[in-house]
Amino acid sequence: MAIHIDSAKLLTEKNLLTAGISETRIPALLLAASALHEAVCDIDRNSKTNLAKQFPEVITVARMYGQADKILYGLEDEA
């Protein structure tokens, strides 16, 4: 089952600005989301499944970041 995040909810500079986030905080938020995305992508499938069950928000943030970039893995196919 493919899971895609609505484009208005993706973690992008534009969407964060639209949400009223201060320009000075956006780089730190995107850096943190990038680190989270990398960490999630680097764990094995079984651990991702367990992470999704216990901490689904972590997977969601990783998706929101990854799907914003055409090159990154967006975790679309992760349950």
PDB file of N, CA and C in Angstrom:
ATOM      1  N   MET A   1       0.841  -1.179   0.000  1.00  0.00           N
ATOM      2  CA  MET A   1       0.000   0.000   0.000  1.00  0.00           C
ATOM      3  C   MET A   1       0.889   1.247   0.000  1.00  0.00           C
ATOM      4  N   ALA A   2       0.763   2.060  -1.024  1.00  0.00           N
ATOM      5  CA  ALA A   2       1.563   3.274  -1.126  1.00  0.00           C
ATOM      6  C   ALA A   2       0.948   4.382  -0.273  1.00  0.00           C
ATOM      7  N   ILE A   3       1.802   5.025   0.499  1.00  0.00           N
ATOM      8  CA  ILE A   3       1.347   6.110   1.366  1.00  0.00           C
ATOM      9  C   ILE A   3       2.008   7.400   0.902  1.00  0.00           C
ATOM     10  N   HIS A   4       1.203   8.342   0.481  1.00  0.00           N
ATOM     11  CA  HIS A   4       1.717   9.627   0.021  1.00  0.00           C
ATOM     12  C   HIS A   4       1.156  10.743   0.902  1.00  0.00           C
ATOM     13  N   ILE A   5       2.014  11.679   1.210  1.00  0.00           N
ATOM     14  CA  ILE A   5       1.634  12.852   2.005  1.00  0.00           C
ATOM     15  C   ILE A   5       1.141  13.942   1.055  1.00  0.00           C
ATOM     16  N   ASP A   6       0.057  14.609   1.406  1.00  0.00           N
ATOM     17  CA  ASP A   6      -0.451  15.735   0.626  1.00  0.00           C
ATOM     18  C   ASP A   6       0.655  16.777   0.469  1.00  0.00           C
ATOM     19  N   SER A   7       0.798  17.340  -0.718  1.00  0.00           N
ATOM     20  CA  SER A   7       1.898  18.281  -0.998  1.00  0.00           C
ATOM     21  C   SER A   7       1.901  19.488  -0.062  1.00  0.00           C
ATOM     22  N   ALA A   8       0.743  19.889   0.427  1.00  0.00           N
ATOM     23  CA  ALA A   8       0.679  21.026   1.347  1.00  0.00           C
ATOM     24  C   ALA A   8       1.218  20.677   2.732  1.00  0.00           C
ATOM     25  N   LYS A   9       1.376  19.373   3.017  1.00  0.00           N
ATOM     26  CA  LYS A   9       1.869  18.923   4.318  1.00  0.00           C
ATOM     27  C   LYS A   9       3.337  18.505   4.287  1.00  0.00           C
ATOM     28  N   LEU A  10       3.961  18.561   3.117  1.00  0.00           N
ATOM     29  CA  LEU A  10       5.365  18.179   3.024  1.00  0.00           C
ATOM     30  C   LEU A  10       6.241  19.212   3.727  1.00  0.00           C
ATOM     31  N   LEU A  11       7.344  18.748   4.271  1.00  0.00           N
ATOM     32  CA  LEU A  11       8.259  19.654   4.974  1.00  0.00           C
ATOM     33  C   LEU A  11       9.152  20.356   3.962  1.00  0.00           C
ATOM     34  N   THR A  12       8.673  21.514   3.527  1.00  0.00           N
ATOM     35  CA  THR A  12       9.425  22.360   2.609  1.00  0.00           C
ATOM     36  C   THR A  12       9.501  23.757   3.212  1.00  0.00           C
ATOM     37  N   GLU A  13      10.460  24.527   2.743  1.00  0.00           N
ATOM     38  CA  GLU A  13      10.581  25.906   3.231  1.00  0.00           C
ATOM     39  C   GLU A  13       9.289  26.674   2.964  1.00  0.00           C
ATOM     40  N   LYS A  14       8.744  26.523   1.768  1.00  0.00           N
ATOM     41  CA  LYS A  14       7.507  27.226   1.402  1.00  0.00           C
ATOM     42  C   LYS A  14       6.356  26.853   2.339  1.00  0.00           C
ATOM     43  N   ASN A  15       6.161  25.564   2.573  1.00  0.00           N
ATOM     44  CA  ASN A  15       5.052  25.133   3.439  1.00  0.00           C
ATOM     45  C   ASN A  15       5.247  25.592   4.876  1.00  0.00           C
ATOM     46  N   LEU A  16       6.474  25.572   5.355  1.00  0.00           N
ATOM     47  CA  LEU A  16       6.729  26.040   6.718  1.00  0.00           C
ATOM     48  C   LEU A  16       6.479  27.542   6.834  1.00  0.00           C
ATOM     49  N   LEU A  17       6.893  28.302   5.817  1.00  0.00           N
ATOM     50  CA  LEU A  17       6.620  29.752   5.822  1.00  0.00           C
ATOM     51  C   LEU A  17       5.113  30.004   5.798  1.00  0.00           C
ATOM     52  N   THR A  18       4.401  29.252   4.972  1.00  0.00           N
ATOM     53  CA  THR A  18       2.948  29.384   4.882  1.00  0.00           C
ATOM     54  C   THR A  18       2.284  29.079   6.220  1.00  0.00           C
ATOM     55  N   ALA A  19       2.877  28.152   6.964  1.00  0.00           N
ATOM     56  CA  ALA A  19       2.334  27.773   8.274  1.00  0.00           C
ATOM     57  C   ALA A  19       2.657  28.805   9.354  1.00  0.00           C
ATOM     58  N   GLY A  20       3.433  29.823   9.000  1.00  0.00           N
ATOM     59  CA  GLY A  20       3.747  30.874   9.955  1.00  0.00           C
ATOM     60  C   GLY A  20       5.014  30.632  10.758  1.00  0.00           C
ATOM     61  N   ILE A  21       5.822  29.676  10.326  1.00  0.00           N
ATOM     62  CA  ILE A  21       7.084  29.401  11.021  1.00  0.00           C
ATOM     63  C   ILE A  21       8.100  30.470  10.650  1.00  0.00           C
ATOM     64  N   SER A  22       8.815  30.957  11.628  1.00  0.00           N
ATOM     65  CA  SER A  22       9.812  31.995  11.412  1.00  0.00           C
ATOM     66  C   SER A  22      10.917  31.502  10.481  1.00  0.00           C
ATOM     67  N   GLU A  23      11.329  32.359   9.546  1.00  0.00           N
ATOM     68  CA  GLU A  23      12.412  32.022   8.618  1.00  0.00           C
ATOM     69  C   GLU A  23      13.673  31.583   9.341  1.00  0.00           C
ATOM     70  N   THR A  24      13.896  32.114  10.519  1.00  0.00           N
ATOM     71  CA  THR A  24      15.121  31.767  11.250  1.00  0.00           C
ATOM     72  C   THR A  24      15.085  30.348  11.811  1.00  0.00           C
ATOM     73  N   ARG A  25      13.921  29.748  11.957  1.00  0.00           N
ATOM     74  CA  ARG A  25      13.792  28.397  12.516  1.00  0.00           C
ATOM     75  C   ARG A  25      13.712  27.313  11.446  1.00  0.00           C
ATOM     76  N   ILE A  26      13.394  27.716  10.234  1.00  0.00           N
ATOM     77  CA  ILE A  26      13.198  26.743   9.158  1.00  0.00           C
ATOM     78  C   ILE A  26      14.444  25.900   8.877  1.00  0.00           C
ATOM     79  N   PRO A  27      15.633  26.476   8.759  1.00  0.00           N
ATOM     80  CA  PRO A  27      16.806  25.617   8.507  1.00  0.00           C
ATOM     81  C   PRO A  27      17.001  24.549   9.576  1.00  0.00           C
ATOM     82  N   ALA A  28      16.805  24.897  10.838  1.00  0.00           N
ATOM     83  CA  ALA A  28      16.973  23.919  11.915  1.00  0.00           C
ATOM     84  C   ALA A  28      15.915  22.827  11.833  1.00  0.00           C
ATOM     85  N   LEU A  29      14.681  23.199  11.519  1.00  0.00           N
ATOM     86  CA  LEU A  29      13.617  22.200  11.387  1.00  0.00           C
ATOM     87  C   LEU A  29      13.895  21.252  10.225  1.00  0.00           C
ATOM     88  N   LEU A  30      14.332  21.794   9.095  1.00  0.00           N
ATOM     89  CA  LEU A  30      14.628  20.949   7.940  1.00  0.00           C
ATOM     90  C   LEU A  30      15.847  20.068   8.191  1.00  0.00           C
ATOM     91  N   LEU A  31      16.824  20.574   8.907  1.00  0.00           N
ATOM     92  CA  LEU A  31      17.997  19.774   9.255  1.00  0.00           C
ATOM     93  C   LEU A  31      17.605  18.615  10.173  1.00  0.00           C
ATOM     94  N   ALA A  32      16.759  18.893  11.146  1.00  0.00           N
ATOM     95  CA  ALA A  32      16.298  17.840  12.049  1.00  0.00           C
ATOM     96  C   ALA A  32      15.477  16.795  11.290  1.00  0.00           C
ATOM     97  N   ALA A  33      14.621  17.251  10.391  1.00  0.00           N
ATOM     98  CA  ALA A  33      13.811  16.319   9.601  1.00  0.00           C
ATOM     99  C   ALA A  33      14.706  15.478   8.687  1.00  0.00           C
ATOM    100  N   SER A  34      15.741  16.077   8.150  1.00  0.00           N
ATOM    101  CA  SER A  34      16.694  15.354   7.312  1.00  0.00           C
ATOM    102  C   SER A  34      17.395  14.257   8.104  1.00  0.00           C
ATOM    103  N   ALA A  35      17.845  14.579   9.305  1.00  0.00           N
ATOM    104  CA  ALA A  35      18.513  13.595  10.156  1.00  0.00           C
ATOM    105  C   ALA A  35      17.558  12.462  10.524  1.00  0.00           C
ATOM    106  N   LEU A  36      16.317  12.790  10.815  1.00  0.00           N
ATOM    107  CA  LEU A  36      15.317  11.776  11.148  1.00  0.00           C
ATOM    108  C   LEU A  36      15.053  10.884   9.934  1.00  0.00           C
ATOM    109  N   HIS A  37      14.905  11.484   8.771  1.00  0.00           N
ATOM    110  CA  HIS A  37      14.684  10.730   7.540  1.00  0.00           C
ATOM    111  C   HIS A  37      15.844   9.765   7.295  1.00  0.00           C
ATOM    112  N   GLU A  38      17.053  10.250   7.424  1.00  0.00           N
ATOM    113  CA  GLU A  38      18.230   9.403   7.218  1.00  0.00           C
ATOM    114  C   GLU A  38      18.252   8.233   8.209  1.00  0.00           C
ATOM    115  N   ALA A  39      17.961   8.519   9.456  1.00  0.00           N
ATOM    116  CA  ALA A  39      17.959   7.473  10.484  1.00  0.00           C
ATOM    117  C   ALA A  39      16.910   6.409  10.180  1.00  0.00           C
ATOM    118  N   VAL A  40      15.722   6.824   9.787  1.00  0.00           N
ATOM    119  CA  VAL A  40      14.649   5.872   9.483  1.00  0.00           C
ATOM    120  C   VAL A  40      15.025   5.030   8.258  1.00  0.00           C
ATOM    121  N   CYS A  41      15.568   5.662   7.243  1.00  0.00           N
ATOM    122  CA  CYS A  41      15.937   4.932   6.027  1.00  0.00           C
ATOM    123  C   CYS A  41      17.049   3.921   6.276  1.00  0.00           C
ATOM    124  N   ASP A  42      17.882   4.166   7.269  1.00  0.00           N
ATOM    125  CA  ASP A  42      19.022   3.289   7.534  1.00  0.00           C
ATOM    126  C   ASP A  42      18.706   2.080   8.400  1.00  0.00           C
ATOM    127  N   ILE A  43      17.507   2.002   8.948  1.00  0.00           N
ATOM    128  CA  ILE A  43      17.194   0.842   9.788  1.00  0.00           C
ATOM    129  C   ILE A  43      16.548  -0.258   8.945  1.00  0.00           C
ATOM    130  N   ASP A  44      16.631  -1.484   9.423  1.00  0.00           N
ATOM    131  CA  ASP A  44      16.095  -2.617   8.674  1.00  0.00           C
ATOM    132  C   ASP A  44      14.562  -2.611   8.686  1.00  0.00           C
ATOM    133  N   ARG A  45      13.991  -3.373   7.767  1.00  0.00           N
ATOM    134  CA  ARG A  45      12.535  -3.393   7.584  1.00  0.00           C
ATOM    135  C   ARG A  45      11.797  -3.786   8.861  1.00  0.00           C
ATOM    136  N   ASN A  46      12.287  -4.778   9.585  1.00  0.00           N
ATOM    137  CA  ASN A  46      11.636  -5.217  10.822  1.00  0.00           C
ATOM    138  C   ASN A  46      11.619  -4.084  11.849  1.00  0.00           C
ATOM    139  N   SER A  47      12.733  -3.388  11.977  1.00  0.00           N
ATOM    140  CA  SER A  47      12.795  -2.267  12.923  1.00  0.00           C
ATOM    141  C   SER A  47      11.882  -1.127  12.488  1.00  0.00           C
ATOM    142  N   LYS A  48      11.777  -0.894  11.163  1.00  0.00           N
ATOM    143  CA  LYS A  48      10.862   0.142  10.664  1.00  0.00           C
ATOM    144  C   LYS A  48       9.426  -0.202  11.008  1.00  0.00           C
ATOM    145  N   THR A  49       9.094  -1.478  10.877  1.00  0.00           N
ATOM    146  CA  THR A  49       7.742  -1.923  11.219  1.00  0.00           C
ATOM    147  C   THR A  49       7.457  -1.677  12.695  1.00  0.00           C
ATOM    148  N   ASN A  50       8.414  -2.031  13.541  1.00  0.00           N
ATOM    149  CA  ASN A  50       8.251  -1.807  14.981  1.00  0.00           C
ATOM    150  C   ASN A  50       8.177  -0.318  15.302  1.00  0.00           C
ATOM    151  N   LEU A  51       9.011   0.471  14.647  1.00  0.00           N
ATOM    152  CA  LEU A  51       8.998   1.920  14.853  1.00  0.00           C
ATOM    153  C   LEU A  51       7.640   2.494  14.453  1.00  0.00           C
ATOM    154  N   ALA A  52       7.119   2.028  13.323  1.00  0.00           N
ATOM    155  CA  ALA A  52       5.817   2.511  12.850  1.00  0.00           C
ATOM    156  C   ALA A  52       4.694   2.173  13.824  1.00  0.00           C
ATOM    157  N   LYS A  53       4.800   1.027  14.464  1.00  0.00           N
ATOM    158  CA  LYS A  53       3.770   0.634  15.434  1.00  0.00           C
ATOM    159  C   LYS A  53       3.858   1.457  16.709  1.00  0.00           C
ATOM    160  N   GLN A  54       5.053   1.654  17.219  1.00  0.00           N
ATOM    161  CA  GLN A  54       5.246   2.339  18.493  1.00  0.00           C
ATOM    162  C   GLN A  54       5.294   3.860  18.363  1.00  0.00           C
ATOM    163  N   PHE A  55       5.879   4.341  17.267  1.00  0.00           N
ATOM    164  CA  PHE A  55       6.091   5.778  17.080  1.00  0.00           C
ATOM    165  C   PHE A  55       5.738   6.175  15.645  1.00  0.00           C
ATOM    166  N   PRO A  56       4.468   6.079  15.264  1.00  0.00           N
ATOM    167  CA  PRO A  56       4.088   6.378  13.877  1.00  0.00           C
ATOM    168  C   PRO A  56       4.421   7.811  13.451  1.00  0.00           C
ATOM    169  N   GLU A  57       4.477   8.712  14.413  1.00  0.00           N
ATOM    170  CA  GLU A  57       4.795  10.108  14.087  1.00  0.00           C
ATOM    171  C   GLU A  57       6.202  10.241  13.500  1.00  0.00           C
ATOM    172  N   VAL A  58       7.116   9.401  13.961  1.00  0.00           N
ATOM    173  CA  VAL A  58       8.494   9.437  13.447  1.00  0.00           C
ATOM    174  C   VAL A  58       8.491   9.089  11.960  1.00  0.00           C
ATOM    175  N   ILE A  59       7.757   8.045  11.601  1.00  0.00           N
ATOM    176  CA  ILE A  59       7.657   7.649  10.193  1.00  0.00           C
ATOM    177  C   ILE A  59       6.986   8.757   9.385  1.00  0.00           C
ATOM    178  N   THR A  60       5.953   9.360   9.942  1.00  0.00           N
ATOM    179  CA  THR A  60       5.246  10.436   9.241  1.00  0.00           C
ATOM    180  C   THR A  60       6.168  11.606   8.950  1.00  0.00           C
ATOM    181  N   VAL A  61       6.947  12.037   9.919  1.00  0.00           N
ATOM    182  CA  VAL A  61       7.877  13.154   9.702  1.00  0.00           C
ATOM    183  C   VAL A  61       8.914  12.775   8.649  1.00  0.00           C
ATOM    184  N   ALA A  62       9.429  11.555   8.716  1.00  0.00           N
ATOM    185  CA  ALA A  62      10.398  11.104   7.715  1.00  0.00           C
ATOM    186  C   ALA A  62       9.772  11.129   6.321  1.00  0.00           C
ATOM    187  N   ARG A  63       8.529  10.702   6.211  1.00  0.00           N
ATOM    188  CA  ARG A  63       7.814  10.763   4.921  1.00  0.00           C
ATOM    189  C   ARG A  63       7.622  12.205   4.470  1.00  0.00           C
ATOM    190  N   MET A  64       7.200  13.062   5.400  1.00  0.00           N
ATOM    191  CA  MET A  64       6.941  14.466   5.064  1.00  0.00           C
ATOM    192  C   MET A  64       8.194  15.139   4.519  1.00  0.00           C
ATOM    193  N   TYR A  65       9.354  14.714   4.988  1.00  0.00           N
ATOM    194  CA  TYR A  65      10.611  15.266   4.497  1.00  0.00           C
ATOM    195  C   TYR A  65      11.030  14.570   3.194  1.00  0.00           C
ATOM    196  N   GLY A  66      11.032  13.251   3.193  1.00  0.00           N
ATOM    197  CA  GLY A  66      11.513  12.503   2.038  1.00  0.00           C
ATOM    198  C   GLY A  66      10.685  12.705   0.786  1.00  0.00           C
ATOM    199  N   GLN A  67       9.376  12.790   0.938  1.00  0.00           N
ATOM    200  CA  GLN A  67       8.521  12.964  -0.230  1.00  0.00           C
ATOM    201  C   GLN A  67       8.568  14.380  -0.797  1.00  0.00           C
ATOM    202  N   ALA A  68       9.159  15.298  -0.070  1.00  0.00           N
ATOM    203  CA  ALA A  68       9.288  16.677  -0.559  1.00  0.00           C
ATOM    204  C   ALA A  68      10.397  16.794  -1.595  1.00  0.00           C
ATOM    205  N   ASP A  69      11.250  15.785  -1.685  1.00  0.00           N
ATOM    206  CA  ASP A  69      12.402  15.819  -2.586  1.00  0.00           C
ATOM    207  C   ASP A  69      12.297  14.660  -3.572  1.00  0.00           C
ATOM    208  N   LYS A  70      12.420  14.940  -4.854  1.00  0.00           N
ATOM    209  CA  LYS A  70      12.275  13.900  -5.874  1.00  0.00           C
ATOM    210  C   LYS A  70      13.393  12.876  -5.835  1.00  0.00           C
ATOM    211  N   ILE A  71      14.521  13.205  -5.247  1.00  0.00           N
ATOM    212  CA  ILE A  71      15.664  12.300  -5.208  1.00  0.00           C
ATOM    213  C   ILE A  71      15.619  11.388  -3.986  1.00  0.00           C
ATOM    214  N   LEU A  72      15.148  11.894  -2.868  1.00  0.00           N
ATOM    215  CA  LEU A  72      15.145  11.118  -1.625  1.00  0.00           C
ATOM    216  C   LEU A  72      14.088  10.025  -1.634  1.00  0.00           C
ATOM    217  N   TYR A  73      14.335   9.015  -0.841  1.00  0.00           N
ATOM    218  CA  TYR A  73      13.362   7.942  -0.627  1.00  0.00           C
ATOM    219  C   TYR A  73      12.268   8.501   0.271  1.00  0.00           C
ATOM    220  N   GLY A  74      11.036   8.481  -0.201  1.00  0.00           N
ATOM    221  CA  GLY A  74       9.936   9.078   0.546  1.00  0.00           C
ATOM    222  C   GLY A  74       9.184   8.135   1.443  1.00  0.00           C
ATOM    223  N   LEU A  75       9.666   6.878   1.558  1.00  0.00           N
ATOM    224  CA  LEU A  75       9.018   5.878   2.420  1.00  0.00           C
ATOM    225  C   LEU A  75       7.559   5.656   2.008  1.00  0.00           C
ATOM    226  N   GLU A  76       7.270   5.826   0.730  1.00  0.00           N
ATOM    227  CA  GLU A  76       5.904   5.685   0.237  1.00  0.00           C
ATOM    228  C   GLU A  76       5.356   4.281   0.460  1.00  0.00           C
ATOM    229  N   ASP A  77       6.225   3.293   0.368  1.00  0.00           N
ATOM    230  CA  ASP A  77       5.777   1.905   0.441  1.00  0.00           C
ATOM    231  C   ASP A  77       5.928   1.281   1.818  1.00  0.00           C
ATOM    232  N   GLU A  78       6.287   2.068   2.805  1.00  0.00           N
ATOM    233  CA  GLU A  78       6.436   1.548   4.154  1.00  0.00           C
ATOM    234  C   GLU A  78       5.092   1.587   4.859  1.00  0.00           C
ATOM    235  N   ALA A  79       4.761   0.496   5.518  1.00  0.00           N
ATOM    236  CA  ALA A  79       3.476   0.435   6.236  1.00  0.00           C
ATOM    237  C   ALA A  79       3.551   1.219   7.524  1.00  0.00           C
TER     238      ALA A  79
END
